Amino acid sequence: MTNREQLIQELEQAPDELVQAVFDFLHRVKATRRNHPLAKFAGILSDLEAEELQRTIAAECRQVDLNKW
């Protein structure tokens, strides 16, 4: 079952107040993504590229050499 299918199934069983809250949240997120200055970069990397970038950042950028201070 996909995330979308699972979400729909959950929403079908949820009370109306929760459905409205999820609906409102979705619209806020969509508006933020559309207007955010970095939104144009969302989704430009493949999953493989994103994983490689995360590994590189973890390996190279989070290191502190106390002798250099």
Protein backbone atom coordinates (compact mmCIF):
# COMPACT_ATOMS: atom_id res chain seq x y z
CA MET A 1 0.00 0.00 0.00
CA THR A 2 1.39 3.40 -0.95
CA ASN A 3 1.59 6.31 1.48
CA ARG A 4 -1.19 8.04 -0.46
CA GLU A 5 -3.47 5.01 -0.22
CA GLN A 6 -2.71 4.64 3.47
CA LEU A 7 -3.43 8.33 4.10
CA ILE A 8 -6.75 8.11 2.26
CA GLN A 9 -7.70 5.06 4.27
CA GLU A 10 -6.83 6.84 7.52
CA LEU A 11 -8.76 9.96 6.50
CA GLU A 12 -11.85 7.92 5.62
CA GLN A 13 -11.95 6.70 9.22
CA ALA A 14 -10.97 9.98 10.90
CA PRO A 15 -13.42 12.39 12.51
CA ASP A 16 -14.35 15.49 10.51
CA GLU A 17 -12.33 17.81 12.77
CA LEU A 18 -9.15 15.84 12.09
CA VAL A 19 -9.84 15.77 8.35
CA GLN A 20 -10.28 19.56 8.41
CA ALA A 21 -7.01 19.99 10.35
CA VAL A 22 -5.12 17.82 7.84
CA PHE A 23 -6.72 19.71 4.97
CA ASP A 24 -5.72 23.07 6.45
CA PHE A 25 -2.18 21.83 7.10
CA LEU A 26 -1.84 20.57 3.53
CA HIS A 27 -2.87 23.95 2.14
CA ARG A 28 -0.41 25.79 4.41
CA VAL A 29 2.43 23.51 3.31
CA LYS A 30 1.56 23.90 -0.36
CA ALA A 31 1.45 27.69 -0.03
CA THR A 32 4.78 27.75 1.78
CA ARG A 33 6.48 25.52 -0.79
CA ARG A 34 5.11 27.56 -3.67
CA ASN A 35 6.28 30.88 -2.25
CA HIS A 36 9.51 29.80 -0.56
CA PRO A 37 12.64 31.12 -2.31
CA LEU A 38 14.23 27.65 -2.26
CA ALA A 39 11.12 25.85 -3.56
CA LYS A 40 12.46 25.87 -7.11
CA PHE A 41 15.20 23.48 -5.97
CA ALA A 42 12.84 20.91 -4.43
CA GLY A 43 13.05 17.58 -6.20
CA ILE A 44 16.01 18.36 -8.46
CA LEU A 45 18.13 15.53 -7.03
CA SER A 46 17.44 11.87 -7.57
CA ASP A 47 17.19 9.68 -4.46
CA LEU A 48 20.66 8.31 -5.20
CA GLU A 49 22.14 11.81 -5.56
CA ALA A 50 20.48 12.96 -2.34
CA GLU A 51 21.79 9.93 -0.41
CA GLU A 52 25.30 10.53 -1.75
CA LEU A 53 25.12 14.20 -0.76
CA GLN A 54 23.92 13.27 2.74
CA ARG A 55 26.80 10.79 3.14
CA THR A 56 29.31 13.38 1.96
CA ILE A 57 27.98 16.00 4.35
CA ALA A 58 28.04 13.55 7.26
CA ALA A 59 31.59 12.46 6.47
CA GLU A 60 33.16 15.79 5.53
CA CYS A 61 31.21 18.65 7.08
CA ARG A 62 30.49 17.48 10.58
CA GLN A 63 34.07 16.95 11.62
CA VAL A 64 35.75 19.22 14.13
CA ASP A 65 39.53 19.22 14.31
CA LEU A 66 40.29 20.54 17.79
CA ASN A 67 43.95 21.05 16.86
CA LYS A 68 43.01 23.73 14.33
CA TRP A 69 41.47 26.01 16.92
